[in-house]
Amino acid sequence: MNAGDIDQLFRQHAALLELQLARQFPRMADAAPDAVQHAFLKLSSTDTVVQEPIRWVARSASNYMIDLLRRGRRLCSLDQQAAIARTVEAPPDITLEDDDERARRARILLRGLNELDEPMRSALIMMYMQGRNYREIAEATGLALSSVGTILLRGRKRLRVLVEREMRGWKVETSA
């Protein structure tokens, strides 16, 4: 596919693709033009023959938006944790050891979250750290609304196993 063909496809389809991405990712609608541009640039630099270029560009742009979402959530969750840690006053009977224990548990929880597969990780973060409801989670992840509860349940179970495994491993290491 030559540059002229790609330019023509861009002029014909970019606006519609941006609109579709804005609907698919309503909280990130401002990133849709960048995602479409990124996808068309990626198409122009690919060496493989693309049979359905518009479908390929739409999928590439959607994946770009998902990547942005994931990066944003990870950064946001760490920022949220730091903000909470700064604003919550510890009761006078809390010791330094208690703070260390809380920090250790938070690190274990984050490691467990990072081990989860998508969309479990995203759904759990959106529900418990961002306070989103099932409908908002379904819109942001592209899951069916009826699947969100199942994904959350499976994610909680898997996270519990990962955290318990990590906690047992830590206790064994420190008691030796």
N, C-alpha and C. Protein backbone atom coordinates (compact mmCIF):
# COMPACT_ATOMS: atom_id res chain seq x y z
N MET A 1 0.85 -1.17 0.00
CA MET A 1 0.00 0.00 0.00
C MET A 1 0.90 1.24 0.00
N ASN A 2 0.66 2.14 -0.93
CA ASN A 2 1.53 3.32 -1.02
C ASN A 2 0.98 4.47 -0.19
N ALA A 3 1.77 5.51 -0.08
CA ALA A 3 1.42 6.66 0.76
C ALA A 3 0.14 7.35 0.28
N GLY A 4 -0.08 7.41 -1.02
CA GLY A 4 -1.29 8.04 -1.55
C GLY A 4 -2.55 7.29 -1.15
N ASP A 5 -2.48 5.96 -1.19
CA ASP A 5 -3.62 5.15 -0.78
C ASP A 5 -3.92 5.35 0.71
N ILE A 6 -2.88 5.39 1.50
CA ILE A 6 -3.05 5.56 2.95
C ILE A 6 -3.61 6.95 3.24
N ASP A 7 -3.12 7.95 2.53
CA ASP A 7 -3.62 9.31 2.71
C ASP A 7 -5.11 9.39 2.36
N GLN A 8 -5.50 8.74 1.29
CA GLN A 8 -6.91 8.73 0.89
C GLN A 8 -7.76 8.01 1.93
N LEU A 9 -7.29 6.88 2.42
CA LEU A 9 -8.02 6.17 3.48
C LEU A 9 -8.15 7.04 4.73
N PHE A 10 -7.09 7.75 5.06
CA PHE A 10 -7.12 8.62 6.22
C PHE A 10 -8.19 9.70 6.06
N ARG A 11 -8.21 10.36 4.91
CA ARG A 11 -9.19 11.42 4.68
C ARG A 11 -10.62 10.88 4.71
N GLN A 12 -10.82 9.67 4.20
CA GLN A 12 -12.16 9.10 4.13
C GLN A 12 -12.65 8.56 5.48
N HIS A 13 -11.76 8.01 6.29
CA HIS A 13 -12.20 7.23 7.44
C HIS A 13 -11.76 7.76 8.80
N ALA A 14 -10.85 8.68 8.86
CA ALA A 14 -10.29 9.12 10.14
C ALA A 14 -11.36 9.67 11.08
N ALA A 15 -12.23 10.52 10.58
CA ALA A 15 -13.25 11.14 11.44
C ALA A 15 -14.19 10.10 12.04
N LEU A 16 -14.60 9.14 11.23
CA LEU A 16 -15.49 8.09 11.72
C LEU A 16 -14.78 7.20 12.75
N LEU A 17 -13.52 6.88 12.48
CA LEU A 17 -12.76 6.07 13.44
C LEU A 17 -12.59 6.82 14.76
N GLU A 18 -12.33 8.12 14.69
CA GLU A 18 -12.21 8.91 15.92
C GLU A 18 -13.51 8.90 16.71
N LEU A 19 -14.61 9.03 16.02
CA LEU A 19 -15.92 9.02 16.67
C LEU A 19 -16.18 7.66 17.33
N GLN A 20 -15.85 6.58 16.63
CA GLN A 20 -16.04 5.25 17.19
C GLN A 20 -15.19 5.05 18.44
N LEU A 21 -13.95 5.52 18.40
CA LEU A 21 -13.08 5.39 19.57
C LEU A 21 -13.59 6.24 20.73
N ALA A 22 -14.09 7.43 20.42
CA ALA A 22 -14.63 8.30 21.47
C ALA A 22 -15.83 7.66 22.14
N ARG A 23 -16.62 6.93 21.38
CA ARG A 23 -17.77 6.22 21.97
C ARG A 23 -17.31 5.00 22.75
N GLN A 24 -16.31 4.32 22.25
CA GLN A 24 -15.80 3.12 22.91
C GLN A 24 -15.06 3.47 24.19
N PHE A 25 -14.38 4.59 24.22
CA PHE A 25 -13.60 5.04 25.38
C PHE A 25 -14.02 6.46 25.75
N PRO A 26 -15.21 6.62 26.33
CA PRO A 26 -15.74 7.98 26.54
C PRO A 26 -14.88 8.85 27.45
N ARG A 27 -14.19 8.27 28.40
CA ARG A 27 -13.37 9.08 29.31
C ARG A 27 -12.04 9.49 28.69
N MET A 28 -11.75 8.96 27.51
CA MET A 28 -10.49 9.28 26.84
C MET A 28 -10.75 9.79 25.43
N ALA A 29 -11.89 10.39 25.20
CA ALA A 29 -12.26 10.83 23.85
C ALA A 29 -11.23 11.77 23.24
N ASP A 30 -10.55 12.55 24.08
CA ASP A 30 -9.56 13.49 23.56
C ASP A 30 -8.33 12.79 22.97
N ALA A 31 -8.11 11.53 23.31
CA ALA A 31 -6.96 10.79 22.79
C ALA A 31 -7.28 10.07 21.48
N ALA A 32 -8.55 10.07 21.06
CA ALA A 32 -8.95 9.34 19.86
C ALA A 32 -8.23 9.82 18.59
N PRO A 33 -8.08 11.12 18.34
CA PRO A 33 -7.35 11.53 17.13
C PRO A 33 -5.89 11.04 17.12
N ASP A 34 -5.24 11.07 18.28
CA ASP A 34 -3.87 10.58 18.36
C ASP A 34 -3.81 9.08 18.05
N ALA A 35 -4.79 8.34 18.57
CA ALA A 35 -4.82 6.90 18.35
C ALA A 35 -4.99 6.58 16.86
N VAL A 36 -5.89 7.31 16.21
CA VAL A 36 -6.11 7.09 14.77
C VAL A 36 -4.87 7.45 13.98
N GLN A 37 -4.27 8.58 14.30
CA GLN A 37 -3.04 8.98 13.60
C GLN A 37 -1.93 7.95 13.82
N HIS A 38 -1.79 7.49 15.06
CA HIS A 38 -0.78 6.48 15.37
C HIS A 38 -1.01 5.21 14.54
N ALA A 39 -2.26 4.80 14.43
CA ALA A 39 -2.59 3.58 13.68
C ALA A 39 -2.27 3.73 12.19
N PHE A 40 -2.60 4.90 11.62
CA PHE A 40 -2.29 5.11 10.21
C PHE A 40 -0.78 5.19 9.98
N LEU A 41 -0.05 5.79 10.90
CA LEU A 41 1.41 5.81 10.77
C LEU A 41 1.98 4.39 10.86
N LYS A 42 1.41 3.61 11.73
CA LYS A 42 1.84 2.22 11.87
C LYS A 42 1.55 1.45 10.58
N LEU A 43 0.40 1.71 9.98
CA LEU A 43 0.04 1.07 8.71
C LEU A 43 1.04 1.45 7.62
N SER A 44 1.44 2.72 7.60
CA SER A 44 2.36 3.16 6.55
C SER A 44 3.76 2.56 6.72
N SER A 45 4.09 2.16 7.94
CA SER A 45 5.44 1.62 8.16
C SER A 45 5.49 0.10 8.19
N THR A 46 4.34 -0.56 8.05
CA THR A 46 4.35 -2.02 8.09
C THR A 46 4.81 -2.60 6.75
N ASP A 47 5.52 -3.70 6.84
CA ASP A 47 6.03 -4.35 5.63
C ASP A 47 5.08 -5.43 5.13
N THR A 48 4.17 -5.85 5.97
CA THR A 48 3.25 -6.92 5.58
C THR A 48 2.09 -6.36 4.76
N VAL A 49 1.49 -7.23 3.97
CA VAL A 49 0.34 -6.85 3.17
C VAL A 49 -0.90 -6.93 4.06
N VAL A 50 -1.62 -5.84 4.15
CA VAL A 50 -2.82 -5.79 4.98
C VAL A 50 -4.03 -5.94 4.06
N GLN A 51 -4.79 -7.00 4.27
CA GLN A 51 -5.94 -7.29 3.41
C GLN A 51 -7.09 -6.30 3.63
N GLU A 52 -7.38 -6.01 4.89
CA GLU A 52 -8.48 -5.09 5.22
C GLU A 52 -7.90 -3.93 6.02
N PRO A 53 -7.40 -2.91 5.34
CA PRO A 53 -6.67 -1.85 6.04
C PRO A 53 -7.50 -1.06 7.06
N ILE A 54 -8.76 -0.81 6.77
CA ILE A 54 -9.57 -0.03 7.72
C ILE A 54 -9.83 -0.83 8.99
N ARG A 55 -10.14 -2.10 8.85
CA ARG A 55 -10.33 -2.95 10.02
C ARG A 55 -9.02 -3.04 10.82
N TRP A 56 -7.90 -3.14 10.10
CA TRP A 56 -6.59 -3.22 10.75
C TRP A 56 -6.31 -1.93 11.52
N VAL A 57 -6.59 -0.78 10.90
CA VAL A 57 -6.36 0.51 11.55
C VAL A 57 -7.28 0.66 12.76
N ALA A 58 -8.53 0.25 12.63
CA ALA A 58 -9.48 0.36 13.76
C ALA A 58 -8.99 -0.48 14.93
N ARG A 59 -8.53 -1.69 14.67
CA ARG A 59 -8.04 -2.55 15.75
C ARG A 59 -6.77 -1.97 16.36
N SER A 60 -5.88 -1.47 15.53
CA SER A 60 -4.64 -0.88 16.02
C SER A 60 -4.92 0.36 16.88
N ALA A 61 -5.84 1.19 16.44
CA ALA A 61 -6.19 2.39 17.21
C ALA A 61 -6.85 2.01 18.54
N SER A 62 -7.70 1.01 18.51
CA SER A 62 -8.34 0.54 19.74
C SER A 62 -7.29 -0.01 20.71
N ASN A 63 -6.35 -0.76 20.21
CA ASN A 63 -5.27 -1.29 21.06
C ASN A 63 -4.43 -0.15 21.64
N TYR A 64 -4.21 0.88 20.85
CA TYR A 64 -3.47 2.05 21.33
C TYR A 64 -4.21 2.70 22.50
N MET A 65 -5.53 2.83 22.38
CA MET A 65 -6.34 3.42 23.45
C MET A 65 -6.28 2.54 24.71
N ILE A 66 -6.34 1.24 24.53
CA ILE A 66 -6.27 0.32 25.67
C ILE A 66 -4.92 0.46 26.36
N ASP A 67 -3.86 0.57 25.58
CA ASP A 67 -2.53 0.77 26.17
C ASP A 67 -2.47 2.07 26.97
N LEU A 68 -3.04 3.13 26.43
CA LEU A 68 -3.08 4.40 27.16
C LEU A 68 -3.86 4.25 28.46
N LEU A 69 -4.96 3.55 28.39
CA LEU A 69 -5.79 3.33 29.57
C LEU A 69 -5.01 2.58 30.64
N ARG A 70 -4.32 1.55 30.25
CA ARG A 70 -3.55 0.75 31.21
C ARG A 70 -2.44 1.58 31.85
N ARG A 71 -1.71 2.31 31.04
CA ARG A 71 -0.64 3.15 31.59
C ARG A 71 -1.21 4.20 32.52
N GLY A 72 -2.30 4.82 32.12
CA GLY A 72 -2.92 5.85 32.94
C GLY A 72 -3.41 5.32 34.27
N ARG A 73 -3.98 4.12 34.26
CA ARG A 73 -4.48 3.53 35.49
C ARG A 73 -3.35 3.20 36.43
N ARG A 74 -2.29 2.64 35.90
CA ARG A 74 -1.17 2.30 36.78
C ARG A 74 -0.61 3.56 37.44
N LEU A 75 -0.41 4.60 36.64
CA LEU A 75 0.11 5.85 37.20
C LEU A 75 -0.89 6.47 38.16
N CYS A 76 -2.15 6.42 37.78
CA CYS A 76 -3.19 7.02 38.62
C CYS A 76 -3.27 6.29 39.95
N SER A 77 -3.20 5.00 39.94
CA SER A 77 -3.34 4.27 41.19
C SER A 77 -2.18 4.57 42.14
N LEU A 78 -0.99 4.72 41.61
CA LEU A 78 0.15 5.06 42.45
C LEU A 78 0.01 6.48 42.98
N ASP A 79 -0.46 7.40 42.14
CA ASP A 79 -0.70 8.77 42.59
C ASP A 79 -1.79 8.81 43.65
N GLN A 80 -2.84 8.04 43.44
CA GLN A 80 -3.92 8.01 44.43
C GLN A 80 -3.41 7.48 45.76
N GLN A 81 -2.59 6.46 45.71
CA GLN A 81 -2.05 5.90 46.96
C GLN A 81 -1.20 6.93 47.68
N ALA A 82 -0.38 7.64 46.94
CA ALA A 82 0.47 8.66 47.56
C ALA A 82 -0.38 9.77 48.18
N ALA A 83 -1.43 10.17 47.47
CA ALA A 83 -2.31 11.22 47.99
C ALA A 83 -3.02 10.77 49.26
N ILE A 84 -3.48 9.54 49.26
CA ILE A 84 -4.14 9.00 50.45
C ILE A 84 -3.16 8.93 51.61
N ALA A 85 -1.96 8.48 51.35
CA ALA A 85 -0.96 8.37 52.42
C ALA A 85 -0.64 9.74 53.01
N ARG A 86 -0.65 10.80 52.17
CA ARG A 86 -0.35 12.14 52.67
C ARG A 86 -1.51 12.74 53.47
N THR A 87 -2.74 12.39 53.11
CA THR A 87 -3.88 13.04 53.73
C THR A 87 -4.42 12.31 54.96
N VAL A 88 -4.18 11.03 55.08
CA VAL A 88 -4.71 10.28 56.21
C VAL A 88 -3.78 10.42 57.39
N GLU A 89 -4.31 10.90 58.49
CA GLU A 89 -3.51 11.04 59.70
C GLU A 89 -3.53 9.73 60.46
N ALA A 90 -2.38 9.28 60.89
CA ALA A 90 -2.30 8.05 61.66
C ALA A 90 -2.72 8.32 63.10
N PRO A 91 -3.48 7.40 63.70
CA PRO A 91 -3.81 7.54 65.11
C PRO A 91 -2.54 7.56 65.95
N PRO A 92 -2.57 8.15 67.14
CA PRO A 92 -1.35 8.28 67.93
C PRO A 92 -0.72 6.95 68.34
N ASP A 93 -1.51 5.87 68.38
CA ASP A 93 -0.95 4.59 68.81
C ASP A 93 -0.31 3.80 67.66
N ILE A 94 -0.29 4.37 66.45
CA ILE A 94 0.34 3.70 65.31
C ILE A 94 1.85 3.91 65.40
N THR A 95 2.57 2.81 65.25
CA THR A 95 4.02 2.87 65.34
C THR A 95 4.64 2.78 63.95
N LEU A 96 5.93 2.96 63.90
CA LEU A 96 6.66 2.85 62.64
C LEU A 96 6.53 1.44 62.07
N GLU A 97 6.53 0.44 62.95
CA GLU A 97 6.38 -0.94 62.48
C GLU A 97 5.04 -1.14 61.78
N ASP A 98 3.97 -0.49 62.30
CA ASP A 98 2.66 -0.60 61.67
C ASP A 98 2.69 0.02 60.28
N ASP A 99 3.37 1.16 60.13
CA ASP A 99 3.50 1.79 58.82
C ASP A 99 4.26 0.88 57.86
N ASP A 100 5.32 0.26 58.34
CA ASP A 100 6.09 -0.66 57.51
C ASP A 100 5.23 -1.85 57.08
N GLU A 101 4.43 -2.35 57.99
CA GLU A 101 3.55 -3.48 57.67
C GLU A 101 2.51 -3.08 56.63
N ARG A 102 1.94 -1.89 56.78
CA ARG A 102 0.96 -1.41 55.81
C ARG A 102 1.60 -1.23 54.43
N ALA A 103 2.79 -0.68 54.40
CA ALA A 103 3.50 -0.47 53.13
C ALA A 103 3.84 -1.82 52.49
N ARG A 104 4.23 -2.79 53.30
CA ARG A 104 4.55 -4.13 52.78
C ARG A 104 3.30 -4.76 52.16
N ARG A 105 2.17 -4.63 52.86
CA ARG A 105 0.92 -5.20 52.34
C ARG A 105 0.49 -4.51 51.05
N ALA A 106 0.68 -3.20 50.98
CA ALA A 106 0.33 -2.47 49.75
C ALA A 106 1.21 -2.94 48.59
N ARG A 107 2.49 -3.15 48.84
CA ARG A 107 3.39 -3.65 47.78
C ARG A 107 2.97 -5.04 47.31
N ILE A 108 2.59 -5.89 48.26
CA ILE A 108 2.15 -7.24 47.91
C ILE A 108 0.88 -7.17 47.07
N LEU A 109 -0.05 -6.31 47.46
CA LEU A 109 -1.29 -6.16 46.70
C LEU A 109 -1.01 -5.66 45.28
N LEU A 110 -0.13 -4.69 45.14
CA LEU A 110 0.21 -4.17 43.80
C LEU A 110 0.89 -5.24 42.95
N ARG A 111 1.78 -6.03 43.56
CA ARG A 111 2.40 -7.12 42.80
C ARG A 111 1.35 -8.12 42.35
N GLY A 112 0.40 -8.43 43.23
CA GLY A 112 -0.68 -9.34 42.86
C GLY A 112 -1.51 -8.78 41.72
N LEU A 113 -1.85 -7.50 41.79
CA LEU A 113 -2.62 -6.87 40.71
C LEU A 113 -1.85 -6.93 39.39
N ASN A 114 -0.56 -6.69 39.45
CA ASN A 114 0.24 -6.70 38.22
C ASN A 114 0.36 -8.09 37.62
N GLU A 115 0.17 -9.14 38.43
CA GLU A 115 0.21 -10.51 37.91
C GLU A 115 -1.10 -10.93 37.26
N LEU A 116 -2.18 -10.21 37.53
CA LEU A 116 -3.47 -10.57 36.94
C LEU A 116 -3.48 -10.28 35.45
N ASP A 117 -4.22 -11.08 34.73
CA ASP A 117 -4.41 -10.85 33.31
C ASP A 117 -5.48 -9.80 33.09
N GLU A 118 -5.44 -9.21 31.90
CA GLU A 118 -6.53 -8.31 31.52
C GLU A 118 -7.70 -9.19 31.11
N PRO A 119 -8.91 -8.82 31.31
CA PRO A 119 -9.40 -7.56 31.84
C PRO A 119 -9.61 -7.57 33.36
N MET A 120 -9.17 -8.66 34.03
CA MET A 120 -9.38 -8.74 35.48
C MET A 120 -8.73 -7.57 36.21
N ARG A 121 -7.47 -7.29 35.88
CA ARG A 121 -6.74 -6.21 36.54
C ARG A 121 -7.46 -4.88 36.35
N SER A 122 -7.80 -4.58 35.12
CA SER A 122 -8.47 -3.31 34.83
C SER A 122 -9.81 -3.20 35.54
N ALA A 123 -10.59 -4.27 35.52
CA ALA A 123 -11.91 -4.23 36.15
C ALA A 123 -11.79 -4.03 37.66
N LEU A 124 -10.85 -4.72 38.31
CA LEU A 124 -10.67 -4.57 39.75
C LEU A 124 -10.21 -3.15 40.11
N ILE A 125 -9.28 -2.62 39.34
CA ILE A 125 -8.77 -1.27 39.61
C ILE A 125 -9.89 -0.25 39.42
N MET A 126 -10.65 -0.40 38.34
CA MET A 126 -11.73 0.56 38.10
C MET A 126 -12.79 0.48 39.20
N MET A 127 -13.11 -0.72 39.66
CA MET A 127 -14.16 -0.88 40.66
C MET A 127 -13.70 -0.37 42.03
N TYR A 128 -12.54 -0.81 42.50
CA TYR A 128 -12.16 -0.57 43.88
C TYR A 128 -11.25 0.64 44.09
N MET A 129 -10.53 1.06 43.06
CA MET A 129 -9.66 2.21 43.23
C MET A 129 -10.24 3.47 42.61
N GLN A 130 -11.03 3.29 41.56
CA GLN A 130 -11.60 4.45 40.88
C GLN A 130 -13.08 4.61 41.18
N GLY A 131 -13.70 3.62 41.82
CA GLY A 131 -15.10 3.73 42.21
C GLY A 131 -16.09 3.70 41.06
N ARG A 132 -15.72 3.04 39.96
CA ARG A 132 -16.63 2.98 38.81
C ARG A 132 -17.67 1.87 39.02
N ASN A 133 -18.81 2.02 38.35
CA ASN A 133 -19.84 1.00 38.42
C ASN A 133 -19.69 0.02 37.25
N TYR A 134 -20.53 -1.03 37.24
CA TYR A 134 -20.42 -2.06 36.21
C TYR A 134 -20.55 -1.49 34.80
N ARG A 135 -21.48 -0.57 34.60
CA ARG A 135 -21.69 0.00 33.28
C ARG A 135 -20.44 0.74 32.80
N GLU A 136 -19.84 1.53 33.68
CA GLU A 136 -18.64 2.29 33.31
C GLU A 136 -17.47 1.35 33.02
N ILE A 137 -17.37 0.28 33.78
CA ILE A 137 -16.31 -0.71 33.54
C ILE A 137 -16.52 -1.37 32.18
N ALA A 138 -17.76 -1.74 31.90
CA ALA A 138 -18.06 -2.37 30.61
C ALA A 138 -17.71 -1.45 29.45
N GLU A 139 -18.05 -0.16 29.56
CA GLU A 139 -17.74 0.79 28.49
C GLU A 139 -16.24 0.96 28.30
N ALA A 140 -15.51 1.06 29.40
CA ALA A 140 -14.07 1.33 29.31
C ALA A 140 -13.28 0.14 28.81
N THR A 141 -13.73 -1.07 29.16
CA THR A 141 -12.97 -2.27 28.79
C THR A 141 -13.48 -2.95 27.54
N GLY A 142 -14.70 -2.59 27.12
CA GLY A 142 -15.28 -3.25 25.96
C GLY A 142 -15.92 -4.59 26.31
N LEU A 143 -16.04 -4.90 27.60
CA LEU A 143 -16.70 -6.13 28.03
C LEU A 143 -18.21 -5.96 27.94
N ALA A 144 -18.90 -7.08 27.82
CA ALA A 144 -20.36 -7.05 27.93
C ALA A 144 -20.71 -6.74 29.38
N LEU A 145 -21.76 -5.96 29.57
CA LEU A 145 -22.18 -5.60 30.92
C LEU A 145 -22.42 -6.85 31.77
N SER A 146 -22.97 -7.89 31.17
CA SER A 146 -23.24 -9.12 31.90
C SER A 146 -21.98 -9.86 32.32
N SER A 147 -20.85 -9.56 31.71
CA SER A 147 -19.59 -10.23 32.03
C SER A 147 -18.80 -9.55 33.14
N VAL A 148 -19.12 -8.31 33.43
CA VAL A 148 -18.32 -7.54 34.38
C VAL A 148 -18.31 -8.19 35.76
N GLY A 149 -19.47 -8.60 36.26
CA GLY A 149 -19.54 -9.23 37.58
C GLY A 149 -18.73 -10.51 37.64
N THR A 150 -18.79 -11.31 36.60
CA THR A 150 -18.03 -12.55 36.56
C THR A 150 -16.53 -12.27 36.55
N ILE A 151 -16.13 -11.31 35.76
CA ILE A 151 -14.70 -10.95 35.69
C ILE A 151 -14.22 -10.44 37.05
N LEU A 152 -15.04 -9.62 37.72
CA LEU A 152 -14.66 -9.11 39.05
C LEU A 152 -14.55 -10.25 40.05
N LEU A 153 -15.50 -11.17 40.04
CA LEU A 153 -15.47 -12.30 40.97
C LEU A 153 -14.22 -13.15 40.75
N ARG A 154 -13.95 -13.49 39.51
CA ARG A 154 -12.77 -14.30 39.19
C ARG A 154 -11.48 -13.54 39.53
N GLY A 155 -11.48 -12.24 39.27
CA GLY A 155 -10.31 -11.42 39.58
C GLY A 155 -10.04 -11.37 41.07
N ARG A 156 -11.10 -11.20 41.88
CA ARG A 156 -10.93 -11.19 43.34
C ARG A 156 -10.39 -12.52 43.85
N LYS A 157 -10.94 -13.62 43.32
CA LYS A 157 -10.47 -14.95 43.75
C LYS A 157 -9.00 -15.13 43.38
N ARG A 158 -8.65 -14.78 42.17
CA ARG A 158 -7.26 -14.94 41.71
C ARG A 158 -6.33 -14.05 42.51
N LEU A 159 -6.74 -12.80 42.76
CA LEU A 159 -5.93 -11.87 43.54
C LEU A 159 -5.73 -12.40 44.96
N ARG A 160 -6.78 -12.96 45.55
CA ARG A 160 -6.67 -13.52 46.90
C ARG A 160 -5.61 -14.62 46.93
N VAL A 161 -5.63 -15.51 45.93
CA VAL A 161 -4.64 -16.59 45.87
C VAL A 161 -3.24 -16.02 45.73
N LEU A 162 -3.07 -15.04 44.85
CA LEU A 162 -1.74 -14.45 44.63
C LEU A 162 -1.23 -13.75 45.89
N VAL A 163 -2.10 -13.00 46.56
CA VAL A 163 -1.69 -12.27 47.76
C VAL A 163 -1.37 -13.24 48.89
N GLU A 164 -2.21 -14.27 49.07
CA GLU A 164 -1.94 -15.24 50.13
C GLU A 164 -0.62 -15.97 49.88
N ARG A 165 -0.37 -16.32 48.63
CA ARG A 165 0.90 -16.98 48.29
C ARG A 165 2.08 -16.07 48.63
N GLU A 166 1.96 -14.81 48.27
CA GLU A 166 3.02 -13.84 48.53
C GLU A 166 3.22 -13.63 50.03
N MET A 167 2.12 -13.55 50.78
CA MET A 167 2.21 -13.34 52.23
C MET A 167 2.90 -14.54 52.90
N ARG A 168 2.53 -15.73 52.49
CA ARG A 168 3.18 -16.92 53.07
C ARG A 168 4.66 -16.93 52.73
N GLY A 169 4.99 -16.57 51.51
CA GLY A 169 6.39 -16.54 51.10
C GLY A 169 7.18 -15.52 51.90
N TRP A 170 6.57 -14.38 52.18
CA TRP A 170 7.28 -13.33 52.93
C TRP A 170 7.50 -13.77 54.37
N LYS A 171 6.48 -14.38 54.99
CA LYS A 171 6.61 -14.82 56.37
C LYS A 171 7.71 -15.88 56.52
N VAL A 172 7.79 -16.78 55.55
CA VAL A 172 8.82 -17.81 55.58
C VAL A 172 10.20 -17.19 55.50
N GLU A 173 10.37 -16.23 54.61
CA GLU A 173 11.68 -15.61 54.44
C GLU A 173 12.12 -14.85 55.69
N THR A 174 11.19 -14.18 56.35
CA THR A 174 11.58 -13.34 57.49
C THR A 174 11.76 -14.13 58.77
N SER A 175 11.13 -15.29 58.88
CA SER A 175 11.24 -16.06 60.12
C SER A 175 12.48 -16.94 60.13
N ALA A 176 13.16 -17.09 59.02
CA ALA A 176 14.35 -17.96 58.96
C ALA A 176 15.54 -17.32 59.58
